[in-house]
Amino acid sequence: MTDEYEDIINLPHHVSLRHPQMSLHDRAAQFAPFAAVTGHGDATHEMEQTHTVDDELIFDDDEDI
């Protein structure tokens, strides 16, 4: 299989003269997870705060988790 790419394997990396390189921050953002439900994290945090006593979570039996 390496024989198929022998002619290109040692070529230098192409850098476009027309398009500037993307910053590492922007590149990482493309692969970062996204919030499918906007505000879900805030709501979860708020629920944790309202149901926390002495740094332990309490759950109501009637409440779905």
N, C-alpha and C. Protein backbone atom coordinates (compact mmCIF):
# COMPACT_ATOMS: atom_id res chain seq x y z
N MET A 1 0.81 -1.19 0.00
CA MET A 1 0.00 0.00 0.00
C MET A 1 0.86 1.26 0.00
N THR A 2 1.98 1.25 0.69
CA THR A 2 2.84 2.43 0.70
C THR A 2 3.42 2.73 -0.68
N ASP A 3 3.49 1.71 -1.52
CA ASP A 3 4.01 1.92 -2.88
C ASP A 3 3.11 2.87 -3.68
N GLU A 4 1.81 2.85 -3.36
CA GLU A 4 0.87 3.71 -4.08
C GLU A 4 1.14 5.20 -3.84
N TYR A 5 1.64 5.53 -2.65
CA TYR A 5 1.83 6.93 -2.26
C TYR A 5 3.29 7.34 -2.20
N GLU A 6 4.16 6.50 -2.66
CA GLU A 6 5.60 6.76 -2.59
C GLU A 6 5.98 8.08 -3.28
N ASP A 7 5.29 8.44 -4.35
CA ASP A 7 5.65 9.64 -5.09
C ASP A 7 5.20 10.94 -4.40
N ILE A 8 4.27 10.84 -3.44
CA ILE A 8 3.78 12.07 -2.79
C ILE A 8 4.04 12.13 -1.29
N ILE A 9 4.50 11.05 -0.72
CA ILE A 9 4.61 10.97 0.74
C ILE A 9 5.60 11.99 1.32
N ASN A 10 6.63 12.36 0.61
CA ASN A 10 7.63 13.27 1.14
C ASN A 10 7.52 14.69 0.58
N LEU A 11 6.42 15.00 -0.07
CA LEU A 11 6.23 16.36 -0.58
C LEU A 11 5.95 17.33 0.57
N PRO A 12 6.35 18.60 0.43
CA PRO A 12 6.07 19.57 1.49
C PRO A 12 4.57 19.86 1.58
N HIS A 13 4.13 20.24 2.77
CA HIS A 13 2.72 20.57 3.00
C HIS A 13 2.33 21.80 2.19
N HIS A 14 1.19 21.73 1.52
CA HIS A 14 0.72 22.86 0.70
C HIS A 14 0.16 23.96 1.59
N VAL A 15 0.55 25.19 1.32
CA VAL A 15 0.01 26.37 2.01
C VAL A 15 -0.57 27.27 0.94
N SER A 16 -1.86 27.57 1.07
CA SER A 16 -2.55 28.37 0.07
C SER A 16 -2.08 29.82 0.09
N LEU A 17 -1.92 30.39 -1.07
CA LEU A 17 -1.59 31.80 -1.18
C LEU A 17 -2.86 32.65 -1.20
N ARG A 18 -3.97 32.04 -1.52
CA ARG A 18 -5.24 32.75 -1.63
C ARG A 18 -6.01 32.80 -0.31
N HIS A 19 -6.01 31.71 0.44
CA HIS A 19 -6.79 31.61 1.68
C HIS A 19 -5.85 31.59 2.88
N PRO A 20 -6.03 32.50 3.83
CA PRO A 20 -5.17 32.49 5.02
C PRO A 20 -5.45 31.26 5.88
N GLN A 21 -4.44 30.83 6.60
CA GLN A 21 -4.61 29.67 7.47
C GLN A 21 -5.54 30.01 8.63
N MET A 22 -6.35 29.06 9.02
CA MET A 22 -7.28 29.24 10.12
C MET A 22 -6.50 29.16 11.44
N SER A 23 -6.89 29.98 12.40
CA SER A 23 -6.22 29.95 13.70
C SER A 23 -6.53 28.63 14.40
N LEU A 24 -5.66 28.23 15.33
CA LEU A 24 -5.88 27.00 16.07
C LEU A 24 -7.17 27.08 16.88
N HIS A 25 -7.49 28.26 17.38
CA HIS A 25 -8.73 28.45 18.16
C HIS A 25 -9.95 28.17 17.29
N ASP A 26 -9.96 28.74 16.08
CA ASP A 26 -11.09 28.53 15.17
C ASP A 26 -11.17 27.08 14.70
N ARG A 27 -10.01 26.47 14.49
CA ARG A 27 -9.99 25.06 14.08
C ARG A 27 -10.56 24.18 15.17
N ALA A 28 -10.16 24.44 16.41
CA ALA A 28 -10.65 23.65 17.54
C ALA A 28 -12.16 23.82 17.70
N ALA A 29 -12.67 25.02 17.43
CA ALA A 29 -14.10 25.28 17.57
C ALA A 29 -14.92 24.42 16.60
N GLN A 30 -14.36 24.07 15.47
CA GLN A 30 -15.07 23.24 14.51
C GLN A 30 -15.33 21.85 15.06
N PHE A 31 -14.45 21.37 15.92
CA PHE A 31 -14.56 20.02 16.42
C PHE A 31 -15.07 19.95 17.85
N ALA A 32 -15.31 21.09 18.46
CA ALA A 32 -15.80 21.13 19.84
C ALA A 32 -17.27 20.71 19.87
N PRO A 33 -17.69 20.09 20.96
CA PRO A 33 -19.10 19.74 21.08
C PRO A 33 -19.95 21.00 21.16
N PHE A 34 -21.18 20.90 20.70
CA PHE A 34 -22.06 22.05 20.74
C PHE A 34 -23.26 21.73 21.62
N ALA A 35 -23.91 22.76 22.13
CA ALA A 35 -25.09 22.59 22.98
C ALA A 35 -26.31 22.40 22.08
N ALA A 36 -26.79 21.19 22.01
CA ALA A 36 -27.96 20.90 21.17
C ALA A 36 -29.21 21.56 21.75
N VAL A 37 -29.25 21.68 23.07
CA VAL A 37 -30.38 22.32 23.73
C VAL A 37 -29.84 23.57 24.42
N THR A 38 -30.14 24.73 23.85
CA THR A 38 -29.64 25.98 24.41
C THR A 38 -30.26 26.22 25.78
N GLY A 39 -29.40 26.53 26.76
CA GLY A 39 -29.88 26.83 28.10
C GLY A 39 -30.01 25.62 29.00
N HIS A 40 -29.79 24.42 28.46
CA HIS A 40 -29.93 23.22 29.27
C HIS A 40 -28.93 23.19 30.42
N GLY A 41 -27.70 23.58 30.16
CA GLY A 41 -26.68 23.60 31.21
C GLY A 41 -27.03 24.56 32.33
N ASP A 42 -27.56 25.73 31.98
CA ASP A 42 -27.96 26.71 32.98
C ASP A 42 -29.12 26.18 33.83
N ALA A 43 -30.08 25.54 33.19
CA ALA A 43 -31.23 25.00 33.90
C ALA A 43 -30.80 23.88 34.84
N THR A 44 -29.89 23.04 34.38
CA THR A 44 -29.39 21.95 35.21
C THR A 44 -28.65 22.51 36.42
N HIS A 45 -27.82 23.51 36.18
CA HIS A 45 -27.07 24.12 37.29
C HIS A 45 -28.03 24.76 38.29
N GLU A 46 -29.06 25.42 37.79
CA GLU A 46 -30.04 26.05 38.67
C GLU A 46 -30.76 25.01 39.52
N MET A 47 -31.12 23.88 38.90
CA MET A 47 -31.78 22.80 39.66
C MET A 47 -30.85 22.24 40.73
N GLU A 48 -29.57 22.11 40.42
CA GLU A 48 -28.61 21.62 41.40
C GLU A 48 -28.53 22.57 42.59
N GLN A 49 -28.53 23.86 42.30
CA GLN A 49 -28.43 24.85 43.37
C GLN A 49 -29.66 24.84 44.26
N THR A 50 -30.84 24.66 43.68
CA THR A 50 -32.06 24.69 44.49
C THR A 50 -32.29 23.39 45.24
N HIS A 51 -31.63 22.31 44.83
CA HIS A 51 -31.80 21.02 45.49
C HIS A 51 -30.55 20.58 46.25
N THR A 52 -29.70 21.53 46.61
CA THR A 52 -28.48 21.19 47.32
C THR A 52 -28.58 21.65 48.77
N VAL A 53 -28.27 20.73 49.67
CA VAL A 53 -28.25 21.04 51.10
C VAL A 53 -26.96 20.46 51.65
N ASP A 54 -26.17 21.30 52.29
CA ASP A 54 -24.90 20.86 52.87
C ASP A 54 -24.04 20.10 51.86
N ASP A 55 -23.96 20.63 50.64
CA ASP A 55 -23.14 20.07 49.57
C ASP A 55 -23.54 18.65 49.15
N GLU A 56 -24.76 18.22 49.49
CA GLU A 56 -25.24 16.92 49.04
C GLU A 56 -26.52 17.15 48.25
N LEU A 57 -26.65 16.44 47.14
CA LEU A 57 -27.86 16.57 46.34
C LEU A 57 -28.98 15.75 46.96
N ILE A 58 -30.17 16.33 46.97
CA ILE A 58 -31.36 15.57 47.38
C ILE A 58 -32.28 15.48 46.19
N PHE A 59 -32.92 14.36 46.04
CA PHE A 59 -33.85 14.15 44.96
C PHE A 59 -35.21 13.82 45.52
N ASP A 60 -36.23 14.47 45.00
CA ASP A 60 -37.60 14.16 45.40
C ASP A 60 -38.02 12.87 44.72
N ASP A 61 -38.74 12.02 45.46
CA ASP A 61 -39.21 10.77 44.88
C ASP A 61 -40.20 11.00 43.76
N ASP A 62 -40.96 12.08 43.83
CA ASP A 62 -41.98 12.36 42.82
C ASP A 62 -41.39 12.97 41.55
N GLU A 63 -40.17 13.38 41.63
CA GLU A 63 -39.54 14.11 40.51
C GLU A 63 -38.76 13.14 39.63
N ASP A 64 -38.95 13.27 38.31
CA ASP A 64 -38.18 12.45 37.38
C ASP A 64 -36.77 13.01 37.27
N ILE A 65 -35.80 12.13 37.27
CA ILE A 65 -34.41 12.57 37.18
C ILE A 65 -33.94 12.43 35.77
